[in-house]
Amino acid sequence: MAANAMLTTFFVVCGIMQQIGVLILLVMKIKPNIFLGLTHEEHRQRQINFFNAWTATTEEFDEILQREIYLLEEMVELEKVTLPTYKAPGEDARLEQIREELKGIKMRLVNTAKRFWELDTQNPGGVWLLTQGMQSEDVRWKHSQYQCRLRFGCCARGCGCCMKPRRGPPGKEESVLRAYASHCTVECGCCIRWRGFRFPPVENGRTEKDV
């Protein structure tokens, strides 16, 4: 009897705790500032720094991957010309340049993956990060779509590149398959072809011309 009573009490307490948890999550979603006010400023700043670092690393990953896809597309076009008499001057040299850059891109992707792992181990957790994660996918997508349009990315032209995961040309798969759709970076091949030029890559505050 005592064991049954204890078991019943346990399940009742679990049910109450579950309801309290649901209520807390609901309040956090509607009025996140109530709990944010209880977060120490130093811990809140750590959460913000983590979020910004993760976002920046994601953007860098997308930029590298979009550059790789553009190079693969360019390689396909150059390889279509097989007869030497039809090749424009410098095409063989350009193919070699592309192959060399693609080797470097794989290393850059590996380094980016390493930073993702390091950041994941440093995740501070907390209310601020939780409220960011509770934003609906639709809200986050609409905001990023607006930003893409401001940059004159593919969302401004309606070509559909941002609506599906980006992939390399047939027979030239990219090093990493991105599972989700992503917005344009400065290395988006569709945007480069539309602009007619590529922005100079920036590394550590310097462009290629400065190096």
Protein backbone atom coordinates (compact mmCIF):
# COMPACT_ATOMS: atom_id res chain seq x y z
CA MET A 1 0.00 0.00 0.00
CA ALA A 2 2.74 2.42 1.00
CA ALA A 3 4.65 1.63 -2.20
CA ASN A 4 1.54 2.25 -4.31
CA ALA A 5 0.93 5.55 -2.53
CA MET A 6 4.53 6.64 -3.12
CA LEU A 7 4.30 5.67 -6.79
CA THR A 8 1.03 7.59 -7.19
CA THR A 9 2.57 10.63 -5.50
CA PHE A 10 5.60 10.37 -7.79
CA PHE A 11 3.46 10.41 -10.95
CA VAL A 12 1.36 13.30 -9.62
CA VAL A 13 4.50 15.32 -8.91
CA CYS A 14 5.88 14.50 -12.39
CA GLY A 15 2.62 15.67 -13.95
CA ILE A 16 2.71 18.91 -12.00
CA MET A 17 6.37 19.51 -12.92
CA GLN A 18 5.56 18.87 -16.58
CA GLN A 19 2.72 21.39 -16.48
CA ILE A 20 4.97 23.93 -14.77
CA GLY A 21 7.62 23.36 -17.46
CA VAL A 22 5.08 23.90 -20.24
CA LEU A 23 3.84 27.06 -18.51
CA ILE A 24 7.40 28.41 -18.16
CA LEU A 25 8.13 27.76 -21.84
CA LEU A 26 4.87 29.47 -22.81
CA VAL A 27 5.69 32.52 -20.69
CA MET A 28 9.23 32.61 -22.12
CA LYS A 29 7.81 32.60 -25.63
CA ILE A 30 5.28 35.37 -24.95
CA LYS A 31 7.21 37.47 -22.42
CA PRO A 32 10.91 36.49 -22.64
CA ASN A 33 12.02 39.67 -20.86
CA ILE A 34 10.58 38.35 -17.59
CA PHE A 35 13.27 35.66 -17.43
CA LEU A 36 15.94 37.65 -19.23
CA GLY A 37 15.82 40.09 -16.35
CA LEU A 38 16.88 37.27 -14.01
CA THR A 39 19.97 36.48 -16.10
CA HIS A 40 23.26 37.88 -14.89
CA GLU A 41 24.67 40.38 -17.40
CA GLU A 42 27.98 38.54 -17.69
CA HIS A 43 26.26 35.24 -18.50
CA ARG A 44 23.90 36.95 -20.95
CA GLN A 45 26.90 38.46 -22.75
CA ARG A 46 28.52 35.02 -23.02
CA GLN A 47 25.35 33.73 -24.65
CA ILE A 48 25.27 36.65 -27.09
CA ASN A 49 28.96 36.15 -27.95
CA PHE A 50 28.36 32.43 -28.55
CA PHE A 51 25.35 33.15 -30.78
CA ASN A 52 27.28 35.74 -32.81
CA ALA A 53 30.27 33.40 -33.21
CA TRP A 54 28.02 30.52 -34.33
CA THR A 55 26.21 32.78 -36.81
CA ALA A 56 29.50 34.11 -38.23
CA THR A 57 30.90 30.58 -38.61
CA THR A 58 27.72 29.47 -40.39
CA GLU A 59 27.98 32.41 -42.79
CA GLU A 60 31.63 31.58 -43.46
CA PHE A 61 30.72 27.94 -44.12
CA ASP A 62 28.04 29.00 -46.62
CA GLU A 63 30.48 31.39 -48.30
CA ILE A 64 33.14 28.69 -48.74
CA LEU A 65 30.61 26.15 -50.02
CA GLN A 66 29.10 28.61 -52.50
CA ARG A 67 32.58 29.45 -53.77
CA GLU A 68 33.28 25.74 -54.29
CA ILE A 69 30.03 25.27 -56.23
CA TYR A 70 30.83 28.26 -58.45
CA LEU A 71 34.30 26.86 -59.22
CA LEU A 72 32.85 23.44 -60.04
CA GLU A 73 30.35 25.07 -62.40
CA GLU A 74 33.15 27.01 -64.08
CA MET A 75 35.22 23.82 -64.37
CA VAL A 76 32.35 22.03 -66.13
CA GLU A 77 32.07 24.82 -68.70
CA LEU A 78 35.82 24.82 -69.36
CA GLU A 79 35.99 21.03 -69.66
CA LYS A 80 33.28 21.04 -72.34
CA VAL A 81 35.88 22.42 -74.76
CA THR A 82 38.02 19.37 -75.51
CA LEU A 83 39.70 20.26 -78.83
CA PRO A 84 42.80 22.48 -78.46
CA THR A 85 41.86 24.50 -81.56
CA TYR A 86 38.64 25.65 -79.88
CA LYS A 87 40.19 26.59 -76.55
CA ALA A 88 40.65 30.24 -75.74
CA PRO A 89 44.11 31.33 -74.56
CA GLY A 90 44.61 30.65 -70.87
CA GLU A 91 41.78 28.10 -70.44
CA ASP A 92 44.16 25.28 -69.46
CA ALA A 93 45.86 27.57 -66.97
CA ARG A 94 42.49 28.58 -65.53
CA LEU A 95 41.52 24.93 -65.08
CA GLU A 96 44.72 24.35 -63.13
CA GLN A 97 43.99 27.40 -60.97
CA ILE A 98 40.53 26.06 -60.20
CA ARG A 99 41.90 22.64 -59.21
CA GLU A 100 44.41 24.25 -56.86
CA GLU A 101 41.79 26.49 -55.24
CA LEU A 102 39.44 23.52 -54.78
CA LYS A 103 42.18 21.75 -52.80
CA GLY A 104 42.43 24.75 -50.51
CA ILE A 105 38.66 24.94 -50.12
CA LYS A 106 38.54 21.44 -48.64
CA MET A 107 41.02 22.50 -45.97
CA ARG A 108 38.98 25.64 -45.25
CA LEU A 109 35.85 23.51 -44.82
CA VAL A 110 37.71 21.19 -42.43
CA ASN A 111 38.87 24.18 -40.37
CA THR A 112 35.32 25.55 -40.29
CA ALA A 113 33.99 22.19 -39.10
CA LYS A 114 36.63 22.24 -36.35
CA ARG A 115 35.40 25.66 -35.22
CA PHE A 116 31.81 24.38 -35.14
CA TRP A 117 32.95 21.55 -32.87
CA GLU A 118 34.88 23.91 -30.60
CA LEU A 119 31.92 26.27 -30.34
CA ASP A 120 29.56 23.41 -29.55
CA THR A 121 31.74 22.39 -26.60
CA GLN A 122 31.66 25.99 -25.34
CA ASN A 123 27.88 26.44 -25.53
CA PRO A 124 27.01 28.35 -22.32
CA GLY A 125 23.29 27.59 -22.50
CA GLY A 126 20.83 29.94 -20.85
CA VAL A 127 17.56 31.78 -21.26
CA TRP A 128 18.77 34.22 -23.92
CA LEU A 129 19.88 31.41 -26.25
CA LEU A 130 16.69 29.50 -25.53
CA THR A 131 14.52 32.46 -26.54
CA GLN A 132 16.49 32.74 -29.79
CA GLY A 133 15.87 29.08 -30.50
CA MET A 134 12.16 29.46 -29.75
CA GLN A 135 11.70 31.84 -32.65
CA SER A 136 9.74 30.00 -35.32
CA GLU A 137 11.54 28.85 -38.47
CA ASP A 138 9.11 30.96 -40.47
CA VAL A 139 10.04 34.15 -38.57
CA ARG A 140 13.79 33.50 -38.91
CA TRP A 141 13.45 32.66 -42.61
CA LYS A 142 11.46 35.80 -43.40
CA HIS A 143 14.05 37.95 -41.63
CA SER A 144 16.96 36.34 -43.51
CA GLN A 145 14.97 36.58 -46.75
CA TYR A 146 14.57 40.32 -46.17
CA GLN A 147 18.32 40.66 -45.56
CA CYS A 148 19.05 38.72 -48.76
CA ARG A 149 16.83 41.04 -50.78
CA LEU A 150 18.60 44.09 -49.33
CA ARG A 151 21.92 42.64 -50.56
CA PHE A 152 20.43 42.10 -54.05
CA GLY A 153 20.78 38.36 -53.53
CA CYS A 154 18.73 35.68 -55.25
CA CYS A 155 15.68 36.52 -53.10
CA ALA A 156 15.58 39.90 -54.85
CA ARG A 157 15.42 38.24 -58.27
CA GLY A 158 13.12 35.31 -57.55
CA CYS A 159 15.40 32.75 -59.23
CA GLY A 160 14.75 30.23 -56.44
CA CYS A 161 18.39 29.52 -55.49
CA CYS A 162 17.68 30.25 -51.81
CA MET A 163 14.63 28.00 -51.66
CA LYS A 164 16.49 24.69 -51.84
CA PRO A 165 19.83 23.22 -50.69
CA ARG A 166 22.61 24.36 -53.01
CA ARG A 167 24.28 21.63 -55.03
CA GLY A 168 27.18 21.38 -57.45
CA PRO A 169 26.71 20.49 -61.13
CA PRO A 170 26.03 16.83 -62.08
CA GLY A 171 29.20 14.78 -61.80
CA LYS A 172 30.96 17.47 -59.73
CA GLU A 173 29.64 17.09 -56.21
CA GLU A 174 30.70 19.58 -53.57
CA SER A 175 32.82 18.44 -50.61
CA VAL A 176 29.99 18.79 -48.08
CA LEU A 177 26.26 18.43 -48.65
CA ARG A 178 24.37 21.21 -46.89
CA ALA A 179 21.09 19.70 -45.72
CA TYR A 180 19.13 22.94 -45.65
CA ALA A 181 18.44 25.91 -47.88
CA SER A 182 20.72 28.91 -47.40
CA HIS A 183 20.82 32.51 -48.52
CA CYS A 184 23.38 34.15 -50.79
CA THR A 185 26.85 35.17 -49.72
CA VAL A 186 29.28 37.27 -51.79
CA GLU A 187 30.41 33.96 -53.36
CA CYS A 188 26.99 32.94 -54.73
CA GLY A 189 27.62 31.93 -58.36
CA CYS A 190 24.18 33.04 -59.52
CA CYS A 191 24.77 36.51 -58.04
CA ILE A 192 28.28 36.74 -59.53
CA ARG A 193 26.93 35.96 -63.00
CA TRP A 194 24.13 38.51 -62.52
CA ARG A 195 26.54 41.22 -61.31
CA GLY A 196 29.13 40.39 -63.92
CA PHE A 197 31.99 40.47 -61.41
CA ARG A 198 33.22 38.93 -58.17
CA PHE A 199 33.92 40.99 -55.06
CA PRO A 200 37.56 40.70 -53.87
CA PRO A 201 37.65 38.13 -51.03
CA VAL A 202 38.40 39.63 -47.63
CA GLU A 203 40.61 37.76 -45.18
CA ASN A 204 41.61 39.23 -41.85
CA GLY A 205 40.51 42.66 -43.02
CA ARG A 206 42.55 42.53 -46.24
CA THR A 207 41.53 41.82 -49.82
CA GLU A 208 43.52 39.67 -52.25
CA LYS A 209 44.93 42.84 -53.80
CA ASP A 210 46.37 43.89 -50.43
CA VAL A 211 48.23 40.62 -49.90
